[in-house]
Structure formats: C-alpha cells, structure tokens
Amino acid sequence: MHKVLKVLEKNQPIVLKRIKEINKRTIANGKVQDFGSLVVVTFRVPKDEKERVRNVVKKAPCIRLCKRVYAFYQRQSRFDPENKLIDAQRLAVLIKKHGGEVKLLPKIVVLNESSVQRLLDDTKRKVEKEVFDMRQRCLRLYYKCVNNEYKQRQVSESLRKIKRQFQWLRRKTTYYKKWIRLDLSRDLMTAYRAFNKVRQTVIRINLET
C-alpha cells in the first residue's frame, strides 16, 4: 500500500468524489479553493468525428480532467444566465448527434486543494494556447494581405472564422473570471489587437484597389 501511494503521489492523481448535495464553490482571499459541485462528462466518438467534437468542446467553459473527460460547474446558469455557452447537457446532445457515447456524472467534487490549483493552472495554459493560436492565424493572414497573396473572398471568410473564434473565447474567459477567478483579459486583448490589425489592413487594401 505504501508503494502504491508513492506512485499515485508522483503521478499527481485528481481525486474525485460523488456527493448527495450540491456544493457551492469556495473562495478565500480572492482565490478559488474549491470548484464546488461539478458535472463530469466522459465520452467516446467515432474517429472521423473527433475534430468536430473537439471544436465544440473549445466553446465550453469546462475544465479538462483527462483525455475525453471534462468537468462543468453544476450551477453553470449562475454565471451564464442567457445560456450562450455550451454546458454539459448541450455537449452530451451534440456528442450523441455525431454518433458518440457519453456519460454524465453529476454532484462530483475535487477533494484535494492542490489538485484544484493544478487544474486552474492547466485551464489557464489551455486558454493561453488558444489565444496564441488565434494570434498566429491572424499573423499568417496579415502577411498574406501585405504580400498580396490572397483573394478577397478567402480573406473575408478567414476573418469571419477568426471573429467567431474570438467571440466564443471572450464569452468563455468571462465565465472563467466569474466562476474560478481566472482573469485572462490581457491575453484576450492581445488576440483582439491581432484580429483588428488584420481587419484594418484588409479595409485599407480594399480602399486602395
């Protein structure tokens, strides 16, 4: 048993427990110590639908526990009253729509405070990567514009996709700030500046031609 516990400690397991009641999140000194009750979504999807489902998950304000296992706040409507984001139920419906198998496990809590912090750090890195990827897309599009390597229709479509991505990202980061006190406004602003730079460049080029 001692050896087993040592192995588990080294691999930093996330210990979850199912409870009867619904717990609120716990915040002390402006820092989240407990996520509160979660709905855990675990699923499998056909190989040719993985990318489609992955794109849906990107729109959801969830926390990744491990591969194809995500956690949502049980009271998501508290921070998303207009239901603009993907919640656990909507994700389950979409997964089934694309031929996947899904299970929902409500009233789950994370037992270890160190696990909470690790999940917070992982979520922050995940969103930062999304912002970085968006900035890279903007940069590639910008250079295509200034080097006259684009067609107007293609650029317009690319800008629409990036704009939709930014809108989902903004909604999601707003939710994270309310729920788990994760402030990513600076990162989001860098993404907006990159998008706006491309948009202004396209407008200028269209006026000149």
N, C-alpha and C. Protein backbone atom coordinates (compact mmCIF):
# COMPACT_ATOMS: atom_id res chain seq x y z
N MET A 1 0.82 -1.20 0.00
CA MET A 1 0.00 0.00 0.00
C MET A 1 0.86 1.26 0.00
N HIS A 2 1.94 1.22 0.78
CA HIS A 2 2.83 2.37 0.82
C HIS A 2 3.41 2.66 -0.56
N LYS A 3 3.80 1.61 -1.27
CA LYS A 3 4.37 1.79 -2.62
C LYS A 3 3.33 2.34 -3.58
N VAL A 4 2.12 1.84 -3.46
CA VAL A 4 1.03 2.31 -4.32
C VAL A 4 0.78 3.80 -4.10
N LEU A 5 0.74 4.21 -2.85
CA LEU A 5 0.52 5.63 -2.53
C LEU A 5 1.64 6.51 -3.06
N LYS A 6 2.86 6.01 -3.02
CA LYS A 6 4.01 6.76 -3.54
C LYS A 6 3.88 6.96 -5.04
N VAL A 7 3.47 5.90 -5.74
CA VAL A 7 3.28 6.00 -7.20
C VAL A 7 2.19 7.01 -7.53
N LEU A 8 1.09 6.94 -6.79
CA LEU A 8 -0.02 7.88 -7.02
C LEU A 8 0.41 9.32 -6.75
N GLU A 9 1.18 9.51 -5.70
CA GLU A 9 1.65 10.85 -5.36
C GLU A 9 2.53 11.42 -6.46
N LYS A 10 3.39 10.57 -7.02
CA LYS A 10 4.30 11.00 -8.08
C LYS A 10 3.54 11.41 -9.33
N ASN A 11 2.43 10.71 -9.62
CA ASN A 11 1.66 10.99 -10.83
C ASN A 11 0.57 12.03 -10.62
N GLN A 12 0.53 12.62 -9.45
CA GLN A 12 -0.42 13.69 -9.13
C GLN A 12 -1.86 13.36 -9.53
N PRO A 13 -2.46 12.36 -8.90
CA PRO A 13 -3.83 11.99 -9.26
C PRO A 13 -4.82 13.06 -8.83
N ILE A 14 -5.93 13.15 -9.57
CA ILE A 14 -7.02 14.03 -9.20
C ILE A 14 -8.10 13.17 -8.56
N VAL A 15 -8.30 13.36 -7.27
CA VAL A 15 -9.25 12.53 -6.53
C VAL A 15 -10.63 13.19 -6.56
N LEU A 16 -11.61 12.43 -7.07
CA LEU A 16 -12.98 12.93 -7.18
C LEU A 16 -13.89 12.11 -6.28
N LYS A 17 -14.98 12.75 -5.86
CA LYS A 17 -15.95 12.05 -5.03
C LYS A 17 -17.36 12.51 -5.41
N ARG A 18 -18.26 11.55 -5.43
CA ARG A 18 -19.66 11.89 -5.70
C ARG A 18 -20.38 12.10 -4.36
N ILE A 19 -21.10 13.22 -4.25
CA ILE A 19 -21.79 13.54 -3.00
C ILE A 19 -23.29 13.67 -3.26
N LYS A 20 -24.06 13.76 -2.19
CA LYS A 20 -25.53 13.81 -2.33
C LYS A 20 -26.04 15.23 -2.59
N GLU A 21 -25.41 16.21 -1.95
CA GLU A 21 -25.88 17.59 -2.09
C GLU A 21 -25.10 18.32 -3.18
N ILE A 22 -25.52 19.54 -3.44
CA ILE A 22 -24.80 20.39 -4.41
C ILE A 22 -24.03 21.45 -3.63
N ASN A 23 -22.73 21.43 -3.75
CA ASN A 23 -21.87 22.37 -3.04
C ASN A 23 -21.60 23.62 -3.87
N LYS A 24 -21.50 24.75 -3.19
CA LYS A 24 -21.07 25.98 -3.85
C LYS A 24 -19.54 26.01 -3.91
N ARG A 25 -18.99 26.79 -4.82
CA ARG A 25 -17.54 26.94 -4.87
C ARG A 25 -17.08 27.69 -3.62
N THR A 26 -15.82 27.53 -3.27
CA THR A 26 -15.26 28.20 -2.10
C THR A 26 -14.14 29.12 -2.54
N ILE A 27 -14.24 30.41 -2.13
CA ILE A 27 -13.23 31.40 -2.47
C ILE A 27 -12.71 32.04 -1.19
N ALA A 28 -11.39 32.11 -1.08
CA ALA A 28 -10.78 32.76 0.09
C ALA A 28 -9.64 33.65 -0.39
N ASN A 29 -9.66 34.92 0.05
CA ASN A 29 -8.64 35.89 -0.37
C ASN A 29 -8.56 36.02 -1.89
N GLY A 30 -9.73 35.99 -2.53
CA GLY A 30 -9.79 36.16 -3.97
C GLY A 30 -9.31 34.97 -4.78
N LYS A 31 -9.13 33.82 -4.11
CA LYS A 31 -8.59 32.64 -4.77
C LYS A 31 -9.53 31.46 -4.57
N VAL A 32 -9.75 30.70 -5.64
CA VAL A 32 -10.63 29.53 -5.56
C VAL A 32 -9.93 28.39 -4.84
N GLN A 33 -10.60 27.87 -3.81
CA GLN A 33 -10.07 26.71 -3.09
C GLN A 33 -10.86 25.45 -3.38
N ASP A 34 -12.10 25.64 -3.85
CA ASP A 34 -12.96 24.50 -4.18
C ASP A 34 -13.85 24.92 -5.35
N PHE A 35 -13.90 24.09 -6.40
CA PHE A 35 -14.71 24.41 -7.58
C PHE A 35 -16.20 24.34 -7.28
N GLY A 36 -16.58 23.65 -6.22
CA GLY A 36 -17.99 23.37 -5.99
C GLY A 36 -18.39 22.10 -6.72
N SER A 37 -19.68 21.80 -6.70
CA SER A 37 -20.16 20.58 -7.37
C SER A 37 -20.03 20.69 -8.89
N LEU A 38 -19.58 19.59 -9.48
CA LEU A 38 -19.31 19.55 -10.91
C LEU A 38 -20.16 18.48 -11.58
N VAL A 39 -20.38 18.68 -12.88
CA VAL A 39 -20.93 17.63 -13.73
C VAL A 39 -19.78 17.16 -14.61
N VAL A 40 -19.40 15.91 -14.47
CA VAL A 40 -18.30 15.37 -15.25
C VAL A 40 -18.86 14.69 -16.50
N VAL A 41 -18.30 15.03 -17.63
CA VAL A 41 -18.71 14.45 -18.91
C VAL A 41 -17.58 13.60 -19.45
N THR A 42 -17.87 12.33 -19.68
CA THR A 42 -16.89 11.43 -20.28
C THR A 42 -17.51 10.83 -21.54
N PHE A 43 -16.74 10.72 -22.61
CA PHE A 43 -17.34 10.31 -23.88
C PHE A 43 -16.34 9.60 -24.80
N ARG A 44 -16.90 8.96 -25.79
CA ARG A 44 -16.16 8.38 -26.91
C ARG A 44 -16.87 8.77 -28.19
N VAL A 45 -16.11 9.09 -29.22
CA VAL A 45 -16.71 9.46 -30.50
C VAL A 45 -16.01 8.72 -31.63
N PRO A 46 -16.70 8.53 -32.76
CA PRO A 46 -16.05 7.90 -33.92
C PRO A 46 -14.83 8.72 -34.36
N LYS A 47 -13.86 8.05 -34.92
CA LYS A 47 -12.60 8.69 -35.30
C LYS A 47 -12.80 9.88 -36.22
N ASP A 48 -13.72 9.74 -37.17
CA ASP A 48 -13.92 10.81 -38.15
C ASP A 48 -14.72 11.99 -37.59
N GLU A 49 -15.19 11.88 -36.35
CA GLU A 49 -15.93 12.97 -35.72
C GLU A 49 -15.15 13.65 -34.59
N LYS A 50 -13.93 13.18 -34.33
CA LYS A 50 -13.16 13.70 -33.20
C LYS A 50 -12.87 15.19 -33.32
N GLU A 51 -12.48 15.63 -34.51
CA GLU A 51 -12.15 17.04 -34.69
C GLU A 51 -13.38 17.93 -34.52
N ARG A 52 -14.52 17.48 -35.01
CA ARG A 52 -15.76 18.25 -34.88
C ARG A 52 -16.14 18.41 -33.40
N VAL A 53 -16.04 17.31 -32.65
CA VAL A 53 -16.38 17.36 -31.22
C VAL A 53 -15.36 18.21 -30.47
N ARG A 54 -14.09 18.11 -30.85
CA ARG A 54 -13.04 18.90 -30.20
C ARG A 54 -13.33 20.39 -30.35
N ASN A 55 -13.81 20.79 -31.51
CA ASN A 55 -14.15 22.20 -31.75
C ASN A 55 -15.34 22.64 -30.90
N VAL A 56 -16.26 21.72 -30.64
CA VAL A 56 -17.41 22.04 -29.77
C VAL A 56 -16.93 22.24 -28.34
N VAL A 57 -16.04 21.36 -27.88
CA VAL A 57 -15.53 21.45 -26.52
C VAL A 57 -14.81 22.78 -26.29
N LYS A 58 -14.16 23.30 -27.32
CA LYS A 58 -13.45 24.58 -27.20
C LYS A 58 -14.40 25.72 -26.85
N LYS A 59 -15.68 25.56 -27.16
CA LYS A 59 -16.67 26.60 -26.89
C LYS A 59 -17.25 26.48 -25.48
N ALA A 60 -16.85 25.46 -24.76
CA ALA A 60 -17.44 25.20 -23.45
C ALA A 60 -16.53 25.67 -22.32
N PRO A 61 -17.09 26.30 -21.28
CA PRO A 61 -16.29 26.74 -20.13
C PRO A 61 -16.08 25.60 -19.14
N CYS A 62 -15.33 24.61 -19.57
CA CYS A 62 -15.14 23.41 -18.75
C CYS A 62 -13.67 23.26 -18.37
N ILE A 63 -13.42 22.31 -17.50
CA ILE A 63 -12.07 22.01 -17.04
C ILE A 63 -11.72 20.60 -17.49
N ARG A 64 -10.61 20.46 -18.16
CA ARG A 64 -10.20 19.14 -18.65
C ARG A 64 -9.57 18.35 -17.51
N LEU A 65 -10.15 17.20 -17.20
CA LEU A 65 -9.61 16.33 -16.16
C LEU A 65 -8.59 15.35 -16.74
N CYS A 66 -8.93 14.80 -17.90
CA CYS A 66 -8.01 13.95 -18.65
C CYS A 66 -8.61 13.78 -20.05
N LYS A 67 -8.04 12.93 -20.84
CA LYS A 67 -8.49 12.78 -22.22
C LYS A 67 -9.95 12.37 -22.29
N ARG A 68 -10.74 13.19 -22.97
CA ARG A 68 -12.18 12.97 -23.17
C ARG A 68 -12.97 12.93 -21.86
N VAL A 69 -12.46 13.60 -20.85
CA VAL A 69 -13.18 13.74 -19.57
C VAL A 69 -13.11 15.20 -19.14
N TYR A 70 -14.28 15.87 -19.06
CA TYR A 70 -14.33 17.29 -18.76
C TYR A 70 -15.32 17.55 -17.63
N ALA A 71 -15.04 18.60 -16.86
CA ALA A 71 -15.89 18.95 -15.72
C ALA A 71 -16.51 20.33 -15.93
N PHE A 72 -17.81 20.44 -15.67
CA PHE A 72 -18.57 21.69 -15.75
C PHE A 72 -19.10 22.03 -14.36
N TYR A 73 -19.22 23.32 -14.11
CA TYR A 73 -19.84 23.74 -12.85
C TYR A 73 -21.30 23.34 -12.86
N GLN A 74 -21.77 22.73 -11.77
CA GLN A 74 -23.14 22.23 -11.71
C GLN A 74 -24.15 23.36 -11.86
N ARG A 75 -23.79 24.55 -11.39
CA ARG A 75 -24.71 25.69 -11.48
C ARG A 75 -24.25 26.66 -12.56
N GLN A 76 -24.04 26.15 -13.75
CA GLN A 76 -23.48 26.98 -14.82
C GLN A 76 -24.35 28.19 -15.14
N SER A 77 -25.66 28.03 -15.03
CA SER A 77 -26.57 29.14 -15.36
C SER A 77 -26.36 30.35 -14.47
N ARG A 78 -25.74 30.15 -13.30
CA ARG A 78 -25.48 31.27 -12.40
C ARG A 78 -24.57 32.30 -13.06
N PHE A 79 -23.59 31.83 -13.82
CA PHE A 79 -22.64 32.72 -14.48
C PHE A 79 -22.89 32.84 -15.99
N ASP A 80 -23.88 32.10 -16.47
CA ASP A 80 -24.25 32.18 -17.89
C ASP A 80 -25.78 32.18 -17.98
N PRO A 81 -26.42 33.22 -17.43
CA PRO A 81 -27.89 33.24 -17.34
C PRO A 81 -28.60 33.22 -18.69
N GLU A 82 -27.93 33.70 -19.73
CA GLU A 82 -28.55 33.73 -21.05
C GLU A 82 -28.25 32.47 -21.85
N ASN A 83 -27.55 31.52 -21.23
CA ASN A 83 -27.26 30.23 -21.84
C ASN A 83 -26.57 30.37 -23.21
N LYS A 84 -25.55 31.22 -23.26
CA LYS A 84 -24.83 31.46 -24.52
C LYS A 84 -23.69 30.46 -24.75
N LEU A 85 -23.29 29.78 -23.70
CA LEU A 85 -22.17 28.85 -23.80
C LEU A 85 -22.65 27.40 -23.80
N ILE A 86 -21.77 26.51 -24.21
CA ILE A 86 -22.07 25.09 -24.20
C ILE A 86 -21.97 24.57 -22.77
N ASP A 87 -23.05 23.96 -22.27
CA ASP A 87 -22.99 23.35 -20.94
C ASP A 87 -22.90 21.83 -21.09
N ALA A 88 -22.90 21.11 -19.97
CA ALA A 88 -22.72 19.66 -20.00
C ALA A 88 -23.83 18.97 -20.80
N GLN A 89 -25.07 19.41 -20.61
CA GLN A 89 -26.20 18.78 -21.29
C GLN A 89 -26.13 19.00 -22.80
N ARG A 90 -25.82 20.22 -23.20
CA ARG A 90 -25.74 20.52 -24.63
C ARG A 90 -24.58 19.78 -25.27
N LEU A 91 -23.47 19.67 -24.54
CA LEU A 91 -22.33 18.91 -25.07
C LEU A 91 -22.71 17.45 -25.27
N ALA A 92 -23.43 16.88 -24.31
CA ALA A 92 -23.85 15.49 -24.42
C ALA A 92 -24.74 15.27 -25.64
N VAL A 93 -25.67 16.20 -25.86
CA VAL A 93 -26.58 16.11 -27.02
C VAL A 93 -25.79 16.16 -28.32
N LEU A 94 -24.83 17.07 -28.41
CA LEU A 94 -24.03 17.22 -29.62
C LEU A 94 -23.15 15.99 -29.87
N ILE A 95 -22.60 15.42 -28.81
CA ILE A 95 -21.77 14.21 -28.96
C ILE A 95 -22.61 13.06 -29.49
N LYS A 96 -23.80 12.88 -28.94
CA LYS A 96 -24.69 11.82 -29.42
C LYS A 96 -25.11 12.06 -30.87
N LYS A 97 -25.31 13.33 -31.20
CA LYS A 97 -25.69 13.69 -32.57
C LYS A 97 -24.63 13.25 -33.57
N HIS A 98 -23.37 13.26 -33.14
CA HIS A 98 -22.27 12.87 -34.02
C HIS A 98 -21.84 11.42 -33.80
N GLY A 99 -22.76 10.62 -33.27
CA GLY A 99 -22.52 9.19 -33.17
C GLY A 99 -21.67 8.76 -32.00
N GLY A 100 -21.51 9.60 -31.00
CA GLY A 100 -20.67 9.26 -29.86
C GLY A 100 -21.45 8.67 -28.69
N GLU A 101 -20.71 8.14 -27.74
CA GLU A 101 -21.28 7.63 -26.49
C GLU A 101 -20.84 8.57 -25.37
N VAL A 102 -21.77 8.90 -24.48
CA VAL A 102 -21.45 9.89 -23.45
C VAL A 102 -22.12 9.52 -22.12
N LYS A 103 -21.43 9.84 -21.03
CA LYS A 103 -21.97 9.67 -19.69
C LYS A 103 -21.84 10.97 -18.92
N LEU A 104 -22.86 11.29 -18.14
CA LEU A 104 -22.85 12.48 -17.29
C LEU A 104 -22.85 12.02 -15.83
N LEU A 105 -21.90 12.56 -15.07
CA LEU A 105 -21.79 12.23 -13.65
C LEU A 105 -21.96 13.51 -12.83
N PRO A 106 -23.15 13.76 -12.28
CA PRO A 106 -23.39 14.99 -11.53
C PRO A 106 -22.91 14.90 -10.09
N LYS A 107 -22.88 16.05 -9.42
CA LYS A 107 -22.53 16.17 -8.00
C LYS A 107 -21.17 15.56 -7.67
N ILE A 108 -20.20 15.91 -8.50
CA ILE A 108 -18.82 15.45 -8.30
C ILE A 108 -18.00 16.61 -7.71
N VAL A 109 -17.16 16.31 -6.74
CA VAL A 109 -16.28 17.34 -6.18
C VAL A 109 -14.84 16.87 -6.25
N VAL A 110 -13.93 17.85 -6.35
CA VAL A 110 -12.49 17.58 -6.30
C VAL A 110 -12.08 17.65 -4.83
N LEU A 111 -11.47 16.60 -4.33
CA LEU A 111 -11.19 16.54 -2.89
C LEU A 111 -9.92 17.28 -2.48
N ASN A 112 -8.95 17.32 -3.35
CA ASN A 112 -7.64 17.83 -2.96
C ASN A 112 -7.44 19.27 -3.43
N GLU A 113 -7.08 20.16 -2.53
CA GLU A 113 -6.87 21.57 -2.90
C GLU A 113 -5.71 21.75 -3.86
N SER A 114 -4.68 20.93 -3.74
CA SER A 114 -3.55 21.01 -4.67
C SER A 114 -3.99 20.62 -6.07
N SER A 115 -4.95 19.70 -6.17
CA SER A 115 -5.50 19.32 -7.48
C SER A 115 -6.28 20.47 -8.09
N VAL A 116 -6.99 21.22 -7.24
CA VAL A 116 -7.72 22.39 -7.72
C VAL A 116 -6.76 23.39 -8.36
N GLN A 117 -5.66 23.65 -7.69
CA GLN A 117 -4.68 24.60 -8.21
C GLN A 117 -4.07 24.09 -9.51
N ARG A 118 -3.80 22.80 -9.59
CA ARG A 118 -3.21 22.25 -10.81
C ARG A 118 -4.19 22.35 -11.97
N LEU A 119 -5.45 22.10 -11.70
CA LEU A 119 -6.46 22.22 -12.75
C LEU A 119 -6.64 23.67 -13.18
N LEU A 120 -6.54 24.59 -12.23
CA LEU A 120 -6.60 26.02 -12.57
C LEU A 120 -5.44 26.39 -13.49
N ASP A 121 -4.24 25.93 -13.16
CA ASP A 121 -3.06 26.22 -13.97
C ASP A 121 -3.19 25.61 -15.37
N ASP A 122 -3.71 24.38 -15.43
CA ASP A 122 -3.90 23.71 -16.72
C ASP A 122 -4.91 24.45 -17.59
N THR A 123 -5.98 24.92 -16.94
CA THR A 123 -7.02 25.66 -17.69
C THR A 123 -6.46 26.97 -18.22
N LYS A 124 -5.66 27.65 -17.40
CA LYS A 124 -5.05 28.89 -17.84
C LYS A 124 -4.13 28.66 -19.03
N ARG A 125 -3.30 27.62 -18.96
CA ARG A 125 -2.39 27.32 -20.08
C ARG A 125 -3.17 26.97 -21.34
N LYS A 126 -4.27 26.26 -21.17
CA LYS A 126 -5.09 25.87 -22.31
C LYS A 126 -5.66 27.10 -23.04
N VAL A 127 -6.19 28.05 -22.26
CA VAL A 127 -6.75 29.26 -22.88
C VAL A 127 -5.64 30.11 -23.49
N GLU A 128 -4.50 30.19 -22.82
CA GLU A 128 -3.37 30.94 -23.36
C GLU A 128 -2.93 30.36 -24.71
N LYS A 129 -2.98 29.05 -24.82
CA LYS A 129 -2.63 28.42 -26.10
C LYS A 129 -3.65 28.76 -27.18
N GLU A 130 -4.93 28.79 -26.80
CA GLU A 130 -5.97 29.18 -27.75
C GLU A 130 -5.72 30.60 -28.25
N VAL A 131 -5.37 31.49 -27.34
CA VAL A 131 -5.07 32.88 -27.71
C VAL A 131 -3.86 32.93 -28.64
N PHE A 132 -2.83 32.17 -28.30
CA PHE A 132 -1.62 32.15 -29.13
C PHE A 132 -1.93 31.63 -30.53
N ASP A 133 -2.71 30.56 -30.62
CA ASP A 133 -3.08 30.01 -31.93
C ASP A 133 -3.87 31.01 -32.76
N MET A 134 -4.75 31.75 -32.10
CA MET A 134 -5.52 32.76 -32.80
C MET A 134 -4.62 33.88 -33.32
N ARG A 135 -3.69 34.30 -32.50
CA ARG A 135 -2.74 35.33 -32.93
C ARG A 135 -1.91 34.86 -34.11
N GLN A 136 -1.52 33.59 -34.11
CA GLN A 136 -0.74 33.04 -35.22
C GLN A 136 -1.56 33.01 -36.50
N ARG A 137 -2.82 32.68 -36.39
CA ARG A 137 -3.70 32.70 -37.56
C ARG A 137 -3.82 34.11 -38.12
N CYS A 138 -3.95 35.08 -37.23
CA CYS A 138 -4.02 36.48 -37.65
C CYS A 138 -2.72 36.92 -38.33
N LEU A 139 -1.60 36.49 -37.75
CA LEU A 139 -0.29 36.87 -38.30
C LEU A 139 -0.11 36.32 -39.71
N ARG A 140 -0.46 35.06 -39.90
CA ARG A 140 -0.33 34.45 -41.24
C ARG A 140 -1.22 35.16 -42.24
N LEU A 141 -2.43 35.50 -41.81
CA LEU A 141 -3.36 36.20 -42.70
C LEU A 141 -2.87 37.60 -43.01
N TYR A 142 -2.29 38.26 -42.02
CA TYR A 142 -1.75 39.61 -42.21
C TYR A 142 -0.66 39.63 -43.27
N TYR A 143 0.27 38.69 -43.19
CA TYR A 143 1.37 38.65 -44.16
C TYR A 143 0.88 38.28 -45.56
N LYS A 144 -0.16 37.48 -45.63
CA LYS A 144 -0.74 37.19 -46.94
C LYS A 144 -1.33 38.46 -47.55
N CYS A 145 -1.91 39.29 -46.68
CA CYS A 145 -2.50 40.54 -47.16
C CYS A 145 -1.43 41.50 -47.67
N VAL A 146 -0.41 41.75 -46.84
CA VAL A 146 0.60 42.74 -47.21
C VAL A 146 1.45 42.27 -48.39
N ASN A 147 1.53 40.96 -48.59
CA ASN A 147 2.30 40.42 -49.72
C ASN A 147 1.41 40.12 -50.92
N ASN A 148 0.16 40.54 -50.82
CA ASN A 148 -0.79 40.38 -51.92
C ASN A 148 -0.91 38.92 -52.36
N GLU A 149 -0.98 38.03 -51.36
CA GLU A 149 -1.09 36.60 -51.64
C GLU A 149 -2.46 36.07 -51.22
N TYR A 150 -3.47 36.82 -51.48
CA TYR A 150 -4.80 36.40 -51.04
C TYR A 150 -5.85 36.82 -52.03
N LYS A 151 -7.00 36.17 -51.95
CA LYS A 151 -8.20 36.57 -52.68
C LYS A 151 -9.18 37.14 -51.66
N GLN A 152 -9.87 38.17 -52.05
CA GLN A 152 -10.72 38.90 -51.12
C GLN A 152 -11.74 37.98 -50.44
N ARG A 153 -12.34 37.07 -51.20
CA ARG A 153 -13.34 36.18 -50.62
C ARG A 153 -12.73 35.27 -49.56
N GLN A 154 -11.53 34.77 -49.84
CA GLN A 154 -10.85 33.89 -48.89
C GLN A 154 -10.51 34.62 -47.59
N VAL A 155 -10.02 35.85 -47.72
CA VAL A 155 -9.67 36.63 -46.53
C VAL A 155 -10.92 36.96 -45.72
N SER A 156 -11.99 37.34 -46.40
CA SER A 156 -13.24 37.67 -45.70
C SER A 156 -13.75 36.47 -44.92
N GLU A 157 -13.68 35.28 -45.52
CA GLU A 157 -14.13 34.07 -44.84
C GLU A 157 -13.23 33.75 -43.65
N SER A 158 -11.93 33.92 -43.82
CA SER A 158 -10.98 33.67 -42.73
C SER A 158 -11.23 34.63 -41.57
N LEU A 159 -11.50 35.90 -41.89
CA LEU A 159 -11.78 36.89 -40.84
C LEU A 159 -13.05 36.55 -40.08
N ARG A 160 -14.06 36.07 -40.79
CA ARG A 160 -15.32 35.70 -40.13
C ARG A 160 -15.09 34.54 -39.14
N LYS A 161 -14.28 33.58 -39.55
CA LYS A 161 -13.99 32.44 -38.68
C LYS A 161 -13.22 32.88 -37.44
N ILE A 162 -12.23 33.75 -37.64
CA ILE A 162 -11.45 34.25 -36.51
C ILE A 162 -12.32 35.07 -35.57
N LYS A 163 -13.23 35.86 -36.14
CA LYS A 163 -14.13 36.68 -35.32
C LYS A 163 -15.03 35.79 -34.47
N ARG A 164 -15.57 34.72 -35.07
CA ARG A 164 -16.41 33.79 -34.30
C ARG A 164 -15.60 33.13 -33.19
N GLN A 165 -14.35 32.76 -33.51
CA GLN A 165 -13.48 32.16 -32.51
C GLN A 165 -13.24 33.12 -31.36
N PHE A 166 -13.01 34.39 -31.69
CA PHE A 166 -12.77 35.40 -30.65
C PHE A 166 -14.00 35.59 -29.78
N GLN A 167 -15.18 35.60 -30.37
CA GLN A 167 -16.41 35.80 -29.61
C GLN A 167 -16.63 34.67 -28.60
N TRP A 168 -16.41 33.43 -29.03
CA TRP A 168 -16.53 32.30 -28.11
C TRP A 168 -15.48 32.38 -27.01
N LEU A 169 -14.27 32.77 -27.39
CA LEU A 169 -13.18 32.87 -26.43
C LEU A 169 -13.48 33.94 -25.38
N ARG A 170 -14.05 35.05 -25.82
CA ARG A 170 -14.40 36.14 -24.90
C ARG A 170 -15.48 35.70 -23.92
N ARG A 171 -16.51 35.02 -24.42
CA ARG A 171 -17.57 34.52 -23.54
C ARG A 171 -17.02 33.53 -22.52
N LYS A 172 -16.15 32.66 -22.99
CA LYS A 172 -15.60 31.63 -22.12
C LYS A 172 -14.70 32.23 -21.05
N THR A 173 -13.84 33.17 -21.43
CA THR A 173 -12.95 33.78 -20.44
C THR A 173 -13.73 34.63 -19.43
N THR A 174 -14.81 35.25 -19.88
CA THR A 174 -15.68 36.00 -18.97
C THR A 174 -16.28 35.06 -17.93
N TYR A 175 -16.69 33.89 -18.39
CA TYR A 175 -17.25 32.89 -17.47
C TYR A 175 -16.20 32.42 -16.47
N TYR A 176 -14.99 32.10 -16.97
CA TYR A 176 -13.92 31.65 -16.08
C TYR A 176 -13.61 32.70 -15.00
N LYS A 177 -13.66 33.95 -15.38
CA LYS A 177 -13.37 35.02 -14.41
C LYS A 177 -14.41 35.04 -13.30
N LYS A 178 -15.67 34.83 -13.67
CA LYS A 178 -16.74 34.83 -12.67
C LYS A 178 -16.70 33.57 -11.80
N TRP A 179 -16.45 32.44 -12.43
CA TRP A 179 -16.53 31.17 -11.71
C TRP A 179 -15.27 30.87 -10.89
N ILE A 180 -14.10 30.90 -11.54
CA ILE A 180 -12.88 30.45 -10.86
C ILE A 180 -11.84 31.56 -10.72
N ARG A 181 -12.29 32.82 -10.88
CA ARG A 181 -11.42 33.97 -10.68
C ARG A 181 -10.17 33.93 -11.57
N LEU A 182 -10.35 33.42 -12.75
CA LEU A 182 -9.25 33.33 -13.71
C LEU A 182 -9.34 34.51 -14.67
N ASP A 183 -8.49 35.51 -14.47
CA ASP A 183 -8.54 36.74 -15.25
C ASP A 183 -7.58 36.63 -16.44
N LEU A 184 -8.15 36.51 -17.63
CA LEU A 184 -7.35 36.38 -18.85
C LEU A 184 -7.60 37.54 -19.80
N SER A 185 -8.00 38.69 -19.23
CA SER A 185 -8.36 39.84 -20.06
C SER A 185 -7.17 40.36 -20.86
N ARG A 186 -5.98 40.33 -20.28
CA ARG A 186 -4.79 40.80 -21.02
C ARG A 186 -4.51 39.92 -22.23
N ASP A 187 -4.59 38.62 -22.01
CA ASP A 187 -4.36 37.69 -23.12
C ASP A 187 -5.41 37.91 -24.21
N LEU A 188 -6.65 38.08 -23.78
CA LEU A 188 -7.73 38.29 -24.74
C LEU A 188 -7.51 39.57 -25.53
N MET A 189 -7.00 40.61 -24.89
CA MET A 189 -6.75 41.87 -25.57
C MET A 189 -5.69 41.72 -26.66
N THR A 190 -4.66 40.90 -26.41
CA THR A 190 -3.64 40.68 -27.45
C THR A 190 -4.25 39.99 -28.66
N ALA A 191 -5.19 39.09 -28.43
CA ALA A 191 -5.86 38.41 -29.54
C ALA A 191 -6.71 39.40 -30.33
N TYR A 192 -7.40 40.29 -29.61
CA TYR A 192 -8.24 41.28 -30.29
C TYR A 192 -7.39 42.23 -31.13
N ARG A 193 -6.26 42.67 -30.58
CA ARG A 193 -5.38 43.57 -31.33
C ARG A 193 -4.88 42.91 -32.60
N ALA A 194 -4.53 41.63 -32.52
CA ALA A 194 -4.06 40.91 -33.70
C ALA A 194 -5.16 40.83 -34.75
N PHE A 195 -6.39 40.52 -34.31
CA PHE A 195 -7.52 40.46 -35.22
C PHE A 195 -7.81 41.81 -35.85
N ASN A 196 -7.82 42.85 -35.03
CA ASN A 196 -8.13 44.19 -35.51
C ASN A 196 -7.08 44.69 -36.50
N LYS A 197 -5.82 44.32 -36.29
CA LYS A 197 -4.76 44.72 -37.20
C LYS A 197 -5.00 44.15 -38.59
N VAL A 198 -5.39 42.88 -38.65
CA VAL A 198 -5.68 42.26 -39.95
C VAL A 198 -6.90 42.92 -40.58
N ARG A 199 -7.92 43.15 -39.79
CA ARG A 199 -9.15 43.75 -40.32
C ARG A 199 -8.89 45.13 -40.90
N GLN A 200 -8.13 45.95 -40.18
CA GLN A 200 -7.80 47.28 -40.68
C GLN A 200 -6.95 47.22 -41.95
N THR A 201 -6.05 46.24 -42.02
CA THR A 201 -5.21 46.08 -43.20
C THR A 201 -6.05 45.71 -44.42
N VAL A 202 -7.00 44.81 -44.22
CA VAL A 202 -7.88 44.41 -45.32
C VAL A 202 -8.71 45.60 -45.80
N ILE A 203 -9.23 46.41 -44.87
CA ILE A 203 -10.01 47.59 -45.24
C ILE A 203 -9.15 48.56 -46.06
N ARG A 204 -7.92 48.77 -45.59
CA ARG A 204 -7.02 49.69 -46.30
C ARG A 204 -6.71 49.21 -47.71
N ILE A 205 -6.43 47.94 -47.86
CA ILE A 205 -6.10 47.37 -49.18
C ILE A 205 -7.29 47.46 -50.10
N ASN A 206 -8.48 47.20 -49.58
CA ASN A 206 -9.69 47.27 -50.43
C ASN A 206 -9.95 48.71 -50.88
N LEU A 207 -9.62 49.69 -50.06
CA LEU A 207 -9.81 51.09 -50.44
C LEU A 207 -8.81 51.50 -51.51
N GLU A 208 -7.62 50.90 -51.48
CA GLU A 208 -6.58 51.26 -52.42
C GLU A 208 -6.76 50.61 -53.78
N THR A 209 -7.51 49.53 -53.82
CA THR A 209 -7.68 48.80 -55.09
C THR A 209 -8.96 49.22 -55.80
